[in-house]
C-alpha atoms as a PDB file:
ATOM      1  CA  GLN A   1      21.018 125.103  34.619  1.00  0.00           C
ATOM      2  CA  HIS A   2      21.947 123.552  31.435  1.00  0.00           C
ATOM      3  CA  LEU A   3      24.984 122.054  33.131  1.00  0.00           C
ATOM      4  CA  SER A   4      22.854 120.327  35.780  1.00  0.00           C
ATOM      5  CA  LEU A   5      20.495 118.729  33.301  1.00  0.00           C
ATOM      6  CA  GLY A   6      23.361 117.268  31.246  1.00  0.00           C
ATOM      7  CA  LEU A   7      25.047 115.675  34.432  1.00  0.00           C
ATOM      8  CA  GLY A   8      21.835 114.220  35.420  1.00  0.00           C
ATOM      9  CA  VAL A   9      21.414 112.578  32.088  1.00  0.00           C
ATOM     10  CA  LEU A  10      24.673 111.043  32.237  1.00  0.00           C
ATOM     11  CA  ALA A  11      24.223 109.373  35.842  1.00  0.00           C
ATOM     12  CA  LEU A  12      20.896 107.889  34.517  1.00  0.00           C
ATOM     13  CA  ALA A  13      22.729 106.326  31.525  1.00  0.00           C
ATOM     14  CA  TYR A  14      25.408 105.017  33.722  1.00  0.00           C
ATOM     15  CA  SER A  15      23.275 103.593  36.303  1.00  0.00           C
ATOM     16  CA  SER A  16      21.157 101.518  33.487  1.00  0.00           C
ATOM     17  CA  SER A  17      24.376 100.009  31.678  1.00  0.00           C
ATOM     18  CA  SER A  18      25.365  98.753  35.202  1.00  0.00           C
ATOM     19  CA  ILE A  19      21.843  97.054  35.556  1.00  0.00           C
ATOM     20  CA  VAL A  20      22.165  95.557  32.190  1.00  0.00           C
ATOM     21  CA  GLY A  21      25.684  94.101  32.586  1.00  0.00           C
ATOM     22  CA  ARG A  22      24.826  92.519  35.757  1.00  0.00           C
ATOM     23  CA  ALA A  23      22.040  90.709  34.193  1.00  0.00           C
ATOM     24  CA  PHE A  24      24.210  89.150  31.646  1.00  0.00           C
ATOM     25  CA  THR A  25      27.081  88.195  33.789  1.00  0.00           C
ATOM     26  CA  SER A  26      25.198  86.780  36.620  1.00  0.00           C
ATOM     27  CA  LYS A  27      24.587  82.823  37.067  1.00  0.00           C
ATOM     28  CA  PRO A  28      21.285  81.246  36.286  1.00  0.00           C
ATOM     29  CA  SER A  29      19.000  80.449  38.994  1.00  0.00           C
ATOM     30  CA  ASN A  30      18.730  77.136  40.473  1.00  0.00           C
ATOM     31  CA  ARG A  31      15.439  76.940  39.018  1.00  0.00           C
ATOM     32  CA  ILE A  32      16.611  77.223  35.458  1.00  0.00           C
ATOM     33  CA  THR A  33      19.784  74.829  36.275  1.00  0.00           C
ATOM     34  CA  THR A  34      17.350  72.117  37.476  1.00  0.00           C
ATOM     35  CA  LYS A  35      15.109  72.388  34.432  1.00  0.00           C
ATOM     36  CA  LEU A  36      17.905  72.051  32.120  1.00  0.00           C
ATOM     37  CA  SER A  37      19.321  69.229  34.032  1.00  0.00           C
ATOM     38  CA  GLN A  38      15.666  67.246  33.686  1.00  0.00           C
ATOM     39  CA  THR A  39      15.450  67.989  30.139  1.00  0.00           C
ATOM     40  CA  ARG A  40      18.848  66.623  29.269  1.00  0.00           C
ATOM     41  CA  ASP A  41      18.161  63.393  31.345  1.00  0.00           C
ATOM     42  CA  ASN A  42      14.956  62.922  29.345  1.00  0.00           C
ATOM     43  CA  LEU A  43      16.793  63.101  25.892  1.00  0.00           C
ATOM     44  CA  PRO A  44      16.421  59.514  23.997  1.00  0.00           C
ATOM     45  CA  LEU A  45      19.674  57.983  23.379  1.00  0.00           C
ATOM     46  CA  ASN A  46      20.532  57.340  19.778  1.00  0.00           C
ATOM     47  CA  SER A  47      19.095  54.758  17.487  1.00  0.00           C
ATOM     48  CA  HIS A  48      21.977  52.641  17.254  1.00  0.00           C
ATOM     49  CA  THR A  49      22.686  52.505  20.951  1.00  0.00           C
ATOM     50  CA  ASN A  50      19.046  51.568  21.401  1.00  0.00           C
ATOM     51  CA  ASN A  51      19.094  48.816  18.949  1.00  0.00           C
ATOM     52  CA  ASN A  52      22.147  47.042  20.179  1.00  0.00           C
ATOM     53  CA  ASP A  53      20.724  47.127  23.868  1.00  0.00           C
ATOM     54  CA  ASN A  54      17.523  45.517  22.628  1.00  0.00           C
ATOM     55  CA  MET A  55      19.358  42.848  20.753  1.00  0.00           C
ATOM     56  CA  GLY A  56      21.520  42.164  23.900  1.00  0.00           C
ATOM     57  CA  ASP A  57      18.219  41.893  26.083  1.00  0.00           C
ATOM     58  CA  ASP A  58      16.657  39.549  23.511  1.00  0.00           C
ATOM     59  CA  GLN A  59      19.756  37.075  23.330  1.00  0.00           C
ATOM     60  CA  ASP A  60      20.053  37.188  27.242  1.00  0.00           C
ATOM     61  CA  GLN A  61      16.345  36.071  27.313  1.00  0.00           C
ATOM     62  CA  GLY A  62      16.846  33.466  24.622  1.00  0.00           C
ATOM     63  CA  GLU A  63      19.727  31.831  26.296  1.00  0.00           C
ATOM     64  CA  GLY A  64      18.089  31.872  29.713  1.00  0.00           C
ATOM     65  CA  LYS A  65      15.227  29.849  28.558  1.00  0.00           C
ATOM     66  CA  ALA A  66      15.227  26.134  29.202  1.00  0.00           C
ATOM     67  CA  THR A  67      14.756  23.589  26.547  1.00  0.00           C
ATOM     68  CA  GLN A  68      10.968  22.275  26.363  1.00  0.00           C
ATOM     69  CA  PHE A  69      10.368  18.676  25.332  1.00  0.00           C
ATOM     70  CA  THR A  70       7.300  18.332  23.196  1.00  0.00           C
ATOM     71  CA  THR A  71       6.535  14.563  23.846  1.00  0.00           C
ATOM     72  CA  ASN A  72       5.203  12.312  26.526  1.00  0.00           C
ATOM     73  CA  ALA A  73       4.458   8.533  27.294  1.00  0.00           C
ATOM     74  CA  HIS A  74       1.377   8.795  25.241  1.00  0.00           C
ATOM     75  CA  ASP A  75       2.812  10.462  22.236  1.00  0.00           C
ATOM     76  CA  LEU A  76       5.472   7.712  22.251  1.00  0.00           C
ATOM     77  CA  GLN A  77       2.916   4.886  22.530  1.00  0.00           C
ATOM     78  CA  GLU A  78       0.980   6.318  19.514  1.00  0.00           C
ATOM     79  CA  ALA A  79       4.231   6.972  17.354  1.00  0.00           C
ATOM     80  CA  ALA A  80       5.135   3.225  18.024  1.00  0.00           C
ATOM     81  CA  LYS A  81       1.484   2.114  17.046  1.00  0.00           C
ATOM     82  CA  LEU A  82       1.697   4.120  13.668  1.00  0.00           C
ATOM     83  CA  GLN A  83       5.125   2.400  12.955  1.00  0.00           C
ATOM     84  CA  ALA A  84       3.848  -0.809  13.701  1.00  0.00           C
ATOM     85  CA  ARG A  85       0.642  -0.229  11.650  1.00  0.00           C
ATOM     86  CA  LEU A  86       2.787   0.850   8.468  1.00  0.00           C
ATOM     87  CA  SER A  87       5.120  -2.360   9.122  1.00  0.00           C
ATOM     88  CA  SER A  88       2.007  -4.589   9.115  1.00  0.00           C
ATOM     89  CA  LYS A  89       0.501  -3.051   5.905  1.00  0.00           C
ATOM     90  CA  ARG A  90       3.825  -3.564   4.201  1.00  0.00           C
ATOM     91  CA  ASN A  91       3.897  -7.299   5.223  1.00  0.00           C
ATOM     92  CA  ASP A  92       0.368  -7.906   4.022  1.00  0.00           C
ATOM     93  CA  GLN A  93       1.279  -6.184   0.848  1.00  0.00           C
ATOM     94  CA  GLN A  94       4.208  -8.440   0.219  1.00  0.00           C
ATOM     95  CA  GLN A  95       2.045 -11.323   1.082  1.00  0.00           C
ATOM     96  CA  GLN A  96      -0.499 -10.312  -1.328  1.00  0.00           C
ATOM     97  CA  GLN A  97       2.082  -9.844  -4.206  1.00  0.00           C
ATOM     98  CA  GLN A  98       3.529 -13.187  -3.275  1.00  0.00           C
ATOM     99  CA  GLN A  99      -0.067 -14.908  -3.400  1.00  0.00           C
ATOM    100  CA  SER A 100      -0.900 -13.067  -6.588  1.00  0.00           C
ATOM    101  CA  GLN A 101       2.217 -14.372  -8.243  1.00  0.00           C
ATOM    102  CA  THR A 102       1.582 -17.887  -6.739  1.00  0.00           C
ATOM    103  CA  ALA A 103      -1.873 -17.597  -8.504  1.00  0.00           C
ATOM    104  CA  ILE A 104      -0.611 -16.359 -11.551  1.00  0.00           C
ATOM    105  CA  GLU A 105       1.836 -19.354 -11.798  1.00  0.00           C
ATOM    106  CA  SER A 106      -0.905 -21.745 -10.665  1.00  0.00           C
ATOM    107  CA  LEU A 107      -3.269 -20.276 -13.502  1.00  0.00           C
ATOM    108  CA  HIS A 108      -0.384 -21.004 -15.873  1.00  0.00           C
ATOM    109  CA  TYR A 109       0.110 -24.498 -14.533  1.00  0.00           C
ATOM    110  CA  GLN A 110      -3.449 -25.343 -14.372  1.00  0.00           C
ATOM    111  CA  ASP A 111      -3.917 -24.323 -18.020  1.00  0.00           C
ATOM    112  CA  ALA A 112      -1.037 -26.832 -18.932  1.00  0.00           C
ATOM    113  CA  ILE A 113      -2.938 -29.612 -17.367  1.00  0.00           C
ATOM    114  CA  GLN A 114      -4.268 -31.682 -20.168  1.00  0.00           C
ATOM    115  CA  SER A 115      -8.020 -32.465 -20.291  1.00  0.00           C
ATOM    116  CA  VAL A 116      -7.418 -35.765 -21.954  1.00  0.00           C
ATOM    117  CA  SER A 117      -4.374 -38.241 -21.656  1.00  0.00           C
ATOM    118  CA  LEU A 118      -4.845 -41.578 -23.160  1.00  0.00           C
ATOM    119  CA  ASP A 119      -2.039 -44.229 -23.527  1.00  0.00           C
ATOM    120  CA  GLU A 120      -2.087 -46.143 -26.811  1.00  0.00           C
ATOM    121  CA  GLY A 121      -3.788 -49.601 -26.377  1.00  0.00           C
ATOM    122  CA  ALA A 122      -6.781 -50.715 -24.348  1.00  0.00           C
ATOM    123  CA  TYR A 123      -6.689 -49.614 -20.677  1.00  0.00           C
ATOM    124  CA  LYS A 124      -8.573 -48.631 -17.632  1.00  0.00           C
ATOM    125  CA  TYR A 125      -9.729 -44.959 -17.640  1.00  0.00           C
ATOM    126  CA  VAL A 126     -11.377 -42.440 -15.223  1.00  0.00           C
ATOM    127  CA  LEU A 127     -13.503 -39.564 -15.383  1.00  0.00           C
ATOM    128  CA  ILE A 128     -12.804 -36.720 -13.162  1.00  0.00           C
ATOM    129  CA  THR A 129     -14.316 -33.440 -12.749  1.00  0.00           C
ATOM    130  CA  ALA A 130     -12.792 -30.585 -10.697  1.00  0.00           C
ATOM    131  CA  ARG A 131     -13.291 -26.949 -10.125  1.00  0.00           C
ATOM    132  CA  PRO A 132     -10.251 -24.423 -11.037  1.00  0.00           C
ATOM    133  CA  PRO A 133      -9.298 -21.954  -8.100  1.00  0.00           C
ATOM    134  CA  ASN A 134     -10.180 -18.876 -10.286  1.00  0.00           C
ATOM    135  CA  ASN A 135     -13.851 -20.280 -10.713  1.00  0.00           C
ATOM    136  CA  ASN A 136     -14.299 -20.957  -6.820  1.00  0.00           C
ATOM    137  CA  ASN A 137     -16.111 -17.640  -5.951  1.00  0.00           C
ATOM    138  CA  ASN A 138     -17.983 -17.136  -9.180  1.00  0.00           C
ATOM    139  CA  ASN A 139     -21.520 -17.578  -9.562  1.00  0.00           C
ATOM    140  CA  ASN A 140     -23.110 -18.911 -12.678  1.00  0.00           C
ATOM    141  CA  ASN A 141     -26.236 -16.834 -13.661  1.00  0.00           C
ATOM    142  CA  ASN A 142     -27.720 -20.029 -15.105  1.00  0.00           C
ATOM    143  CA  GLY A 143     -27.168 -22.114 -12.040  1.00  0.00           C
ATOM    144  CA  ASN A 144     -25.175 -24.570 -14.093  1.00  0.00           C
ATOM    145  CA  ASN A 145     -22.264 -25.767 -12.247  1.00  0.00           C
ATOM    146  CA  ASN A 146     -20.844 -27.847 -15.429  1.00  0.00           C
ATOM    147  CA  THR A 147     -19.743 -24.305 -16.984  1.00  0.00           C
ATOM    148  CA  LYS A 148     -17.636 -23.879 -13.777  1.00  0.00           C
ATOM    149  CA  THR A 149     -15.813 -27.219 -13.829  1.00  0.00           C
ATOM    150  CA  ARG A 150     -13.299 -29.018 -15.937  1.00  0.00           C
ATOM    151  CA  THR A 151     -13.573 -32.612 -17.142  1.00  0.00           C
ATOM    152  CA  PHE A 152     -10.649 -34.970 -17.199  1.00  0.00           C
ATOM    153  CA  VAL A 153     -10.382 -38.288 -19.174  1.00  0.00           C
ATOM    154  CA  TYR A 154      -7.419 -40.378 -18.453  1.00  0.00           C
ATOM    155  CA  SER A 155      -6.420 -43.962 -19.223  1.00  0.00           C
ATOM    156  CA  LYS A 156      -3.055 -45.429 -18.170  1.00  0.00           C
ATOM    157  CA  ARG A 157      -0.877 -48.167 -19.321  1.00  0.00           C
ATOM    158  CA  ASN A 158      -0.340 -50.791 -16.682  1.00  0.00           C
ATOM    159  CA  ALA A 159      -2.688 -49.539 -14.071  1.00  0.00           C
ATOM    160  CA  GLU A 160      -3.814 -52.394 -11.994  1.00  0.00           C
ATOM    161  CA  TYR A 161      -6.870 -50.797 -10.662  1.00  0.00           C
ATOM    162  CA  HIS A 162      -9.037 -47.760 -11.765  1.00  0.00           C
ATOM    163  CA  ARG A 163      -7.881 -45.925  -8.630  1.00  0.00           C
ATOM    164  CA  ASN A 164      -4.138 -46.126  -9.769  1.00  0.00           C
ATOM    165  CA  VAL A 165      -5.182 -44.061 -12.849  1.00  0.00           C
ATOM    166  CA  ALA A 166      -6.902 -41.328 -10.397  1.00  0.00           C
ATOM    167  CA  GLU A 167      -4.053 -41.376  -8.287  1.00  0.00           C
ATOM    168  CA  SER A 168      -1.834 -40.052 -11.290  1.00  0.00           C
ATOM    169  CA  LEU A 169      -4.010 -36.955 -11.767  1.00  0.00           C
ATOM    170  CA  LEU A 170      -5.215 -35.966  -8.323  1.00  0.00           C
ATOM    171  CA  PRO A 171      -2.116 -34.703  -6.704  1.00  0.00           C
ATOM    172  CA  THR A 172      -1.683 -32.158  -9.775  1.00  0.00           C
ATOM    173  CA  LEU A 173      -5.116 -30.928  -9.558  1.00  0.00           C
ATOM    174  CA  GLU A 174      -4.813 -30.393  -5.730  1.00  0.00           C
ATOM    175  CA  GLN A 175      -1.416 -28.625  -6.157  1.00  0.00           C
ATOM    176  CA  CYS A 176      -2.911 -26.144  -8.453  1.00  0.00           C
ATOM    177  CA  GLY A 177      -5.622 -25.330  -6.048  1.00  0.00           C
ATOM    178  CA  TYR A 178      -8.522 -27.162  -7.622  1.00  0.00           C
ATOM    179  CA  THR A 179     -11.538 -27.789  -5.456  1.00  0.00           C
ATOM    180  CA  ASP A 180     -14.736 -30.094  -5.587  1.00  0.00           C
ATOM    181  CA  ILE A 181     -12.497 -32.810  -7.304  1.00  0.00           C
ATOM    182  CA  ARG A 182     -14.863 -35.972  -8.027  1.00  0.00           C
ATOM    183  CA  ILE A 183     -14.312 -39.234  -9.597  1.00  0.00           C
ATOM    184  CA  LYS A 184     -17.353 -39.755 -11.816  1.00  0.00           C
ATOM    185  CA  GLY A 185     -16.633 -43.157 -12.598  1.00  0.00           C
ATOM    186  CA  GLY A 186     -14.480 -45.256 -14.977  1.00  0.00           C
ATOM    187  CA  GLY A 187     -14.122 -47.818 -17.516  1.00  0.00           C
ATOM    188  CA  ARG A 188     -11.911 -48.669 -20.485  1.00  0.00           C
ATOM    189  CA  ILE A 189     -10.524 -46.902 -23.516  1.00  0.00           C
ATOM    190  CA  LEU A 190      -9.089 -48.337 -26.685  1.00  0.00           C
ATOM    191  CA  ARG A 191      -7.060 -45.966 -28.434  1.00  0.00           C
ATOM    192  CA  ASP A 192      -5.813 -47.036 -32.023  1.00  0.00           C
ATOM    193  CA  ASP A 193      -3.464 -44.678 -33.705  1.00  0.00           C
ATOM    194  CA  LYS A 194      -3.302 -46.617 -36.976  1.00  0.00           C
ATOM    195  CA  LYS A 195      -6.775 -46.608 -37.421  1.00  0.00           C
ATOM    196  CA  ARG A 196      -7.295 -43.189 -35.738  1.00  0.00           C
ATOM    197  CA  ARG A 197     -10.036 -44.541 -33.499  1.00  0.00           C
ATOM    198  CA  VAL A 198     -11.023 -44.312 -30.101  1.00  0.00           C
ATOM    199  CA  HIS A 199     -13.629 -46.407 -28.282  1.00  0.00           C
ATOM    200  CA  ILE A 200     -14.945 -45.811 -24.981  1.00  0.00           C
ATOM    201  CA  PHE A 201     -16.664 -48.816 -23.081  1.00  0.00           C
ATOM    202  CA  GLY A 202     -16.797 -51.018 -19.792  1.00  0.00           C
ATOM    203  CA  TYR A 203     -17.160 -49.941 -16.328  1.00  0.00           C
ATOM    204  CA  SER A 204     -15.255 -49.794 -12.828  1.00  0.00           C
ATOM    205  CA  TYR A 205     -15.851 -51.798  -9.706  1.00  0.00           C
ATOM    206  CA  GLY A 206     -14.381 -49.315  -7.489  1.00  0.00           C
ATOM    207  CA  PHE A 207     -16.020 -46.032  -9.015  1.00  0.00           C
ATOM    208  CA  GLY A 208     -18.656 -47.426 -11.005  1.00  0.00           C
ATOM    209  CA  ARG A 209     -19.577 -46.953 -14.751  1.00  0.00           C
ATOM    210  CA  ALA A 210     -18.612 -43.467 -16.067  1.00  0.00           C
ATOM    211  CA  ASP A 211     -20.871 -41.364 -18.206  1.00  0.00           C
ATOM    212  CA  HIS A 212     -19.112 -42.469 -21.434  1.00  0.00           C
ATOM    213  CA  ALA A 213     -21.233 -40.053 -23.763  1.00  0.00           C
ATOM    214  CA  MET A 214     -19.613 -37.203 -21.716  1.00  0.00           C
ATOM    215  CA  ALA A 215     -16.199 -38.861 -21.994  1.00  0.00           C
ATOM    216  CA  LYS A 216     -16.654 -39.048 -25.819  1.00  0.00           C
ATOM    217  CA  LYS A 217     -17.215 -35.232 -25.977  1.00  0.00           C
ATOM    218  CA  VAL A 218     -14.289 -34.269 -23.979  1.00  0.00           C
ATOM    219  CA  VAL A 219     -12.229 -36.279 -26.103  1.00  0.00           C
ATOM    220  CA  GLU A 220     -13.736 -35.074 -29.293  1.00  0.00           C
ATOM    221  CA  GLY A 221     -12.883 -31.585 -27.987  1.00  0.00           C
ATOM    222  CA  CYS A 222      -9.322 -32.274 -27.655  1.00  0.00           C
ATOM    223  CA  ASP A 223      -6.958 -31.115 -30.565  1.00  0.00           C
ATOM    224  CA  SER A 224      -4.735 -34.305 -29.945  1.00  0.00           C
ATOM    225  CA  PHE A 225      -7.399 -36.284 -31.214  1.00  0.00           C
ATOM    226  CA  GLY A 226      -8.877 -34.075 -34.023  1.00  0.00           C
ATOM    227  CA  GLY A 227      -9.944 -36.407 -36.847  1.00  0.00           C
ATOM    228  CA  TYR A 228     -10.129 -39.472 -34.811  1.00  0.00           C
ATOM    229  CA  GLU A 229     -13.334 -41.627 -34.599  1.00  0.00           C
ATOM    230  CA  VAL A 230     -14.611 -41.576 -31.309  1.00  0.00           C
ATOM    231  CA  THR A 231     -17.162 -44.015 -30.108  1.00  0.00           C
ATOM    232  CA  TRP A 232     -18.799 -45.231 -26.902  1.00  0.00           C
ATOM    233  CA  SER A 233     -20.669 -48.437 -25.450  1.00  0.00           C
ATOM    234  CA  ASN A 234     -21.730 -49.751 -22.213  1.00  0.00           C
ATOM    235  CA  ASP A 235     -20.757 -53.195 -22.976  1.00  0.00           C
ATOM    236  CA  GLY A 236     -17.849 -55.183 -21.796  1.00  0.00           C
ATOM    237  CA  TYR A 237     -15.481 -54.525 -18.893  1.00  0.00           C
END
């Protein structure tokens, strides 16, 4: 009886070990194999390979794009207008600079024009008034135009007519930009340097008698005749 029980246990143990051995040595099922294959296919590539692939894609896309021009006919016209406006402005500025320089030179020149020029002896003279270019646009608050004009007293040796005396000064005034030039009459002036005396008298047939009193003030205000006795009279010719 005991022998039969022992043989039965051995048979049961052998049967169990055979089942377990087959379980470990048998091939996996098709379902397990398919699952592993799907999992392997879904694994991401390493970062190095992925970056290189992306860079290649970007480069291909960039090289494949056509050049896009950002201009048109209207833009070209506007650009040309801008260049033309700047060029015109430069030309205007150059002209203004030249005009300013000319005006400065004119101012220096006009200041050099003597208010009084008397040749020694007794000769025909004219009284001339003119407005300097720097006063052309100025308004005098008192409304007195005399403050905006210069007065000139000129006599000339060997002048046959009073107009010949005027002709010696007028071109200079016009060249310097003087305006409103007027010949206010004429007469004669005696200049005696030995006696340091100036006498104004007479009249002009062509221009009429000048305001000798005004001429006297202009002569007295001239440094060249400081210390001279200056008189005037309507007598004589």
